[in-house]
Amino acid sequence: QVQLTESGGGLVQAGGSLRLSCAASGRTFSNYAMAWFRQAPGKDREFVSGISSNFYTYQLASVKGRFTISRDNAKNTVYLQMNSLKPEDTAVYYCAAGVSLTTTGLTGNAYWGQGTQVTVSS
């Protein structure tokens, strides 16, 4: 069992920055691929960015150059640094853990956090 707890969401003006954190507890964090997803009101959940256990990363095209994912295995934490935020980035952001990373998400995706709200005002 893996428990994931997100933090760092909030309200920010367009062009601003936020850093999301996802703290994991339970089984060996370093073995998992980790990812961030988001869901805006009335829309499907979408993959934003992921990082494999070997530190490979993939990102949604619309966030490339603005968002950076990283992980600190010593702290069992994955981060999402979000810069140059836009109103269309407004969503609930979810952290997830899985077996491996693909270009569009995770395989063996069994664990989710509760989500953290990010609101970008224009």
C-alpha atoms as a PDB file:
ATOM      1  CA  GLN A   1       0.000   0.000   0.000  1.00  0.00           C
ATOM      2  CA  VAL A   2       1.206   3.499  -0.904  1.00  0.00           C
ATOM      3  CA  GLN A   3      -0.286   6.687   0.483  1.00  0.00           C
ATOM      4  CA  LEU A   4       0.156   9.888  -1.483  1.00  0.00           C
ATOM      5  CA  THR A   5      -0.421  13.363  -0.066  1.00  0.00           C
ATOM      6  CA  GLU A   6      -0.295  16.452  -2.273  1.00  0.00           C
ATOM      7  CA  SER A   7       0.314  19.999  -1.117  1.00  0.00           C
ATOM      8  CA  GLY A   8       1.229  23.366  -2.552  1.00  0.00           C
ATOM      9  CA  GLY A   9      -1.869  24.279  -4.490  1.00  0.00           C
ATOM     10  CA  GLY A  10      -3.522  27.662  -4.242  1.00  0.00           C
ATOM     11  CA  LEU A  11      -4.610  30.799  -6.025  1.00  0.00           C
ATOM     12  CA  VAL A  12      -2.106  32.629  -8.203  1.00  0.00           C
ATOM     13  CA  GLN A  13      -2.261  35.291 -10.880  1.00  0.00           C
ATOM     14  CA  ALA A  14      -1.477  34.497 -14.480  1.00  0.00           C
ATOM     15  CA  GLY A  15       2.269  34.465 -15.031  1.00  0.00           C
ATOM     16  CA  GLY A  16       2.938  33.363 -11.479  1.00  0.00           C
ATOM     17  CA  SER A  17       4.457  30.173 -10.094  1.00  0.00           C
ATOM     18  CA  LEU A  18       3.565  27.359  -7.748  1.00  0.00           C
ATOM     19  CA  ARG A  19       5.375  24.242  -6.620  1.00  0.00           C
ATOM     20  CA  LEU A  20       3.323  21.173  -5.886  1.00  0.00           C
ATOM     21  CA  SER A  21       4.654  18.438  -3.637  1.00  0.00           C
ATOM     22  CA  CYS A  22       3.556  14.853  -3.265  1.00  0.00           C
ATOM     23  CA  ALA A  23       4.791  12.958  -0.236  1.00  0.00           C
ATOM     24  CA  ALA A  24       4.642   9.181  -0.386  1.00  0.00           C
ATOM     25  CA  SER A  25       4.576   6.671   2.417  1.00  0.00           C
ATOM     26  CA  GLY A  26       4.422   2.925   2.416  1.00  0.00           C
ATOM     27  CA  ARG A  27       6.409   0.737   0.073  1.00  0.00           C
ATOM     28  CA  THR A  28       9.697   1.660  -1.588  1.00  0.00           C
ATOM     29  CA  PHE A  29       9.114   4.993  -3.281  1.00  0.00           C
ATOM     30  CA  SER A  30      12.159   4.819  -5.559  1.00  0.00           C
ATOM     31  CA  ASN A  31      10.758   1.781  -7.386  1.00  0.00           C
ATOM     32  CA  TYR A  32       7.677   3.614  -8.586  1.00  0.00           C
ATOM     33  CA  ALA A  33       7.096   5.780 -11.594  1.00  0.00           C
ATOM     34  CA  MET A  34       5.347   8.954 -10.470  1.00  0.00           C
ATOM     35  CA  ALA A  35       3.128  11.345 -12.327  1.00  0.00           C
ATOM     36  CA  TRP A  36       0.929  14.384 -12.045  1.00  0.00           C
ATOM     37  CA  PHE A  37      -2.513  14.497 -13.605  1.00  0.00           C
ATOM     38  CA  ARG A  38      -5.084  17.264 -13.566  1.00  0.00           C
ATOM     39  CA  GLN A  39      -8.807  17.589 -13.979  1.00  0.00           C
ATOM     40  CA  ALA A  40     -10.550  20.831 -14.815  1.00  0.00           C
ATOM     41  CA  PRO A  41     -14.295  21.298 -14.227  1.00  0.00           C
ATOM     42  CA  GLY A  42     -16.307  19.473 -16.857  1.00  0.00           C
ATOM     43  CA  LYS A  43     -13.243  17.866 -18.411  1.00  0.00           C
ATOM     44  CA  ASP A  44     -11.597  14.473 -18.275  1.00  0.00           C
ATOM     45  CA  ARG A  45      -8.548  13.893 -16.152  1.00  0.00           C
ATOM     46  CA  GLU A  46      -5.359  14.383 -18.191  1.00  0.00           C
ATOM     47  CA  PHE A  47      -1.720  13.449 -17.792  1.00  0.00           C
ATOM     48  CA  VAL A  48       0.498  16.467 -17.122  1.00  0.00           C
ATOM     49  CA  SER A  49       3.973  15.150 -16.398  1.00  0.00           C
ATOM     50  CA  GLY A  50       5.690  11.995 -15.208  1.00  0.00           C
ATOM     51  CA  ILE A  51       9.051  10.757 -14.003  1.00  0.00           C
ATOM     52  CA  SER A  52      10.250   7.176 -14.067  1.00  0.00           C
ATOM     53  CA  SER A  53      12.225   5.358 -11.410  1.00  0.00           C
ATOM     54  CA  ASN A  54      15.262   6.030 -13.639  1.00  0.00           C
ATOM     55  CA  PHE A  55      14.440   9.739 -13.820  1.00  0.00           C
ATOM     56  CA  TYR A  56      13.166   9.806 -17.394  1.00  0.00           C
ATOM     57  CA  THR A  57      10.477  12.452 -17.787  1.00  0.00           C
ATOM     58  CA  TYR A  58       7.546  13.093 -20.108  1.00  0.00           C
ATOM     59  CA  GLN A  59       5.261  16.097 -20.254  1.00  0.00           C
ATOM     60  CA  LEU A  60       2.051  17.276 -21.815  1.00  0.00           C
ATOM     61  CA  ALA A  61       2.919  19.434 -24.821  1.00  0.00           C
ATOM     62  CA  SER A  62       1.076  22.461 -23.483  1.00  0.00           C
ATOM     63  CA  VAL A  63       3.209  22.600 -20.331  1.00  0.00           C
ATOM     64  CA  LYS A  64       6.635  21.999 -21.860  1.00  0.00           C
ATOM     65  CA  GLY A  65       9.020  24.786 -20.965  1.00  0.00           C
ATOM     66  CA  ARG A  66       6.772  25.895 -18.105  1.00  0.00           C
ATOM     67  CA  PHE A  67       6.409  22.870 -15.796  1.00  0.00           C
ATOM     68  CA  THR A  68       9.219  20.727 -14.410  1.00  0.00           C
ATOM     69  CA  ILE A  69       8.810  17.444 -12.585  1.00  0.00           C
ATOM     70  CA  SER A  70      11.432  16.136 -10.196  1.00  0.00           C
ATOM     71  CA  ARG A  71      11.761  13.570  -7.451  1.00  0.00           C
ATOM     72  CA  ASP A  72      13.764  13.255  -4.264  1.00  0.00           C
ATOM     73  CA  ASN A  73      13.938   9.600  -3.318  1.00  0.00           C
ATOM     74  CA  ALA A  74      15.587  10.394   0.011  1.00  0.00           C
ATOM     75  CA  LYS A  75      12.484  12.388   0.947  1.00  0.00           C
ATOM     76  CA  ASN A  76       9.951  10.116  -0.782  1.00  0.00           C
ATOM     77  CA  THR A  77       8.633  13.171  -2.564  1.00  0.00           C
ATOM     78  CA  VAL A  78       7.855  14.186  -6.119  1.00  0.00           C
ATOM     79  CA  TYR A  79       7.520  17.828  -7.129  1.00  0.00           C
ATOM     80  CA  LEU A  80       5.913  19.786  -9.924  1.00  0.00           C
ATOM     81  CA  GLN A  81       7.364  23.250 -10.423  1.00  0.00           C
ATOM     82  CA  MET A  82       4.865  25.299 -12.403  1.00  0.00           C
ATOM     83  CA  ASN A  83       5.981  28.603 -13.914  1.00  0.00           C
ATOM     84  CA  SER A  84       4.281  31.066 -16.245  1.00  0.00           C
ATOM     85  CA  LEU A  85       0.907  29.776 -15.153  1.00  0.00           C
ATOM     86  CA  LYS A  86      -2.106  30.392 -17.356  1.00  0.00           C
ATOM     87  CA  PRO A  87      -5.829  30.440 -16.526  1.00  0.00           C
ATOM     88  CA  GLU A  88      -6.208  27.220 -18.538  1.00  0.00           C
ATOM     89  CA  ASP A  89      -3.930  25.491 -16.008  1.00  0.00           C
ATOM     90  CA  THR A  90      -6.704  25.819 -13.432  1.00  0.00           C
ATOM     91  CA  ALA A  91      -7.621  22.335 -12.219  1.00  0.00           C
ATOM     92  CA  VAL A  92      -7.368  19.870  -9.390  1.00  0.00           C
ATOM     93  CA  TYR A  93      -3.913  18.323  -9.608  1.00  0.00           C
ATOM     94  CA  TYR A  94      -3.441  14.696  -8.601  1.00  0.00           C
ATOM     95  CA  CYS A  95      -0.307  12.760  -7.825  1.00  0.00           C
ATOM     96  CA  ALA A  96      -0.148   9.118  -8.869  1.00  0.00           C
ATOM     97  CA  ALA A  97       2.206   6.172  -8.535  1.00  0.00           C
ATOM     98  CA  GLY A  98       2.553   3.297 -10.955  1.00  0.00           C
ATOM     99  CA  VAL A  99       4.780   0.547 -12.244  1.00  0.00           C
ATOM    100  CA  SER A 100       6.216   2.353 -15.257  1.00  0.00           C
ATOM    101  CA  LEU A 101       5.970   5.611 -17.177  1.00  0.00           C
ATOM    102  CA  THR A 102       4.657   6.012 -20.703  1.00  0.00           C
ATOM    103  CA  THR A 103       4.414   9.118 -22.865  1.00  0.00           C
ATOM    104  CA  THR A 104       0.802   9.551 -21.795  1.00  0.00           C
ATOM    105  CA  GLY A 105       0.670   8.266 -18.231  1.00  0.00           C
ATOM    106  CA  LEU A 106       1.428   5.291 -16.066  1.00  0.00           C
ATOM    107  CA  THR A 107       1.026   1.563 -16.333  1.00  0.00           C
ATOM    108  CA  GLY A 108      -0.002  -0.400 -13.284  1.00  0.00           C
ATOM    109  CA  ASN A 109      -1.369   2.831 -11.875  1.00  0.00           C
ATOM    110  CA  ALA A 110      -2.744   1.789  -8.565  1.00  0.00           C
ATOM    111  CA  TYR A 111      -2.299   4.724  -6.219  1.00  0.00           C
ATOM    112  CA  TRP A 112      -3.696   8.251  -6.220  1.00  0.00           C
ATOM    113  CA  GLY A 113      -3.534  11.222  -3.920  1.00  0.00           C
ATOM    114  CA  GLN A 114      -6.565  13.226  -2.886  1.00  0.00           C
ATOM    115  CA  GLY A 115      -5.754  16.171  -5.142  1.00  0.00           C
ATOM    116  CA  THR A 116      -4.845  19.805  -4.628  1.00  0.00           C
ATOM    117  CA  GLN A 117      -6.619  22.759  -6.221  1.00  0.00           C
ATOM    118  CA  VAL A 118      -4.697  25.146  -8.463  1.00  0.00           C
ATOM    119  CA  THR A 119      -6.525  28.280  -9.548  1.00  0.00           C
ATOM    120  CA  VAL A 120      -4.945  30.775 -11.932  1.00  0.00           C
ATOM    121  CA  SER A 121      -6.673  34.113 -12.240  1.00  0.00           C
ATOM    122  CA  SER A 122      -6.431  36.272 -15.339  1.00  0.00           C
END
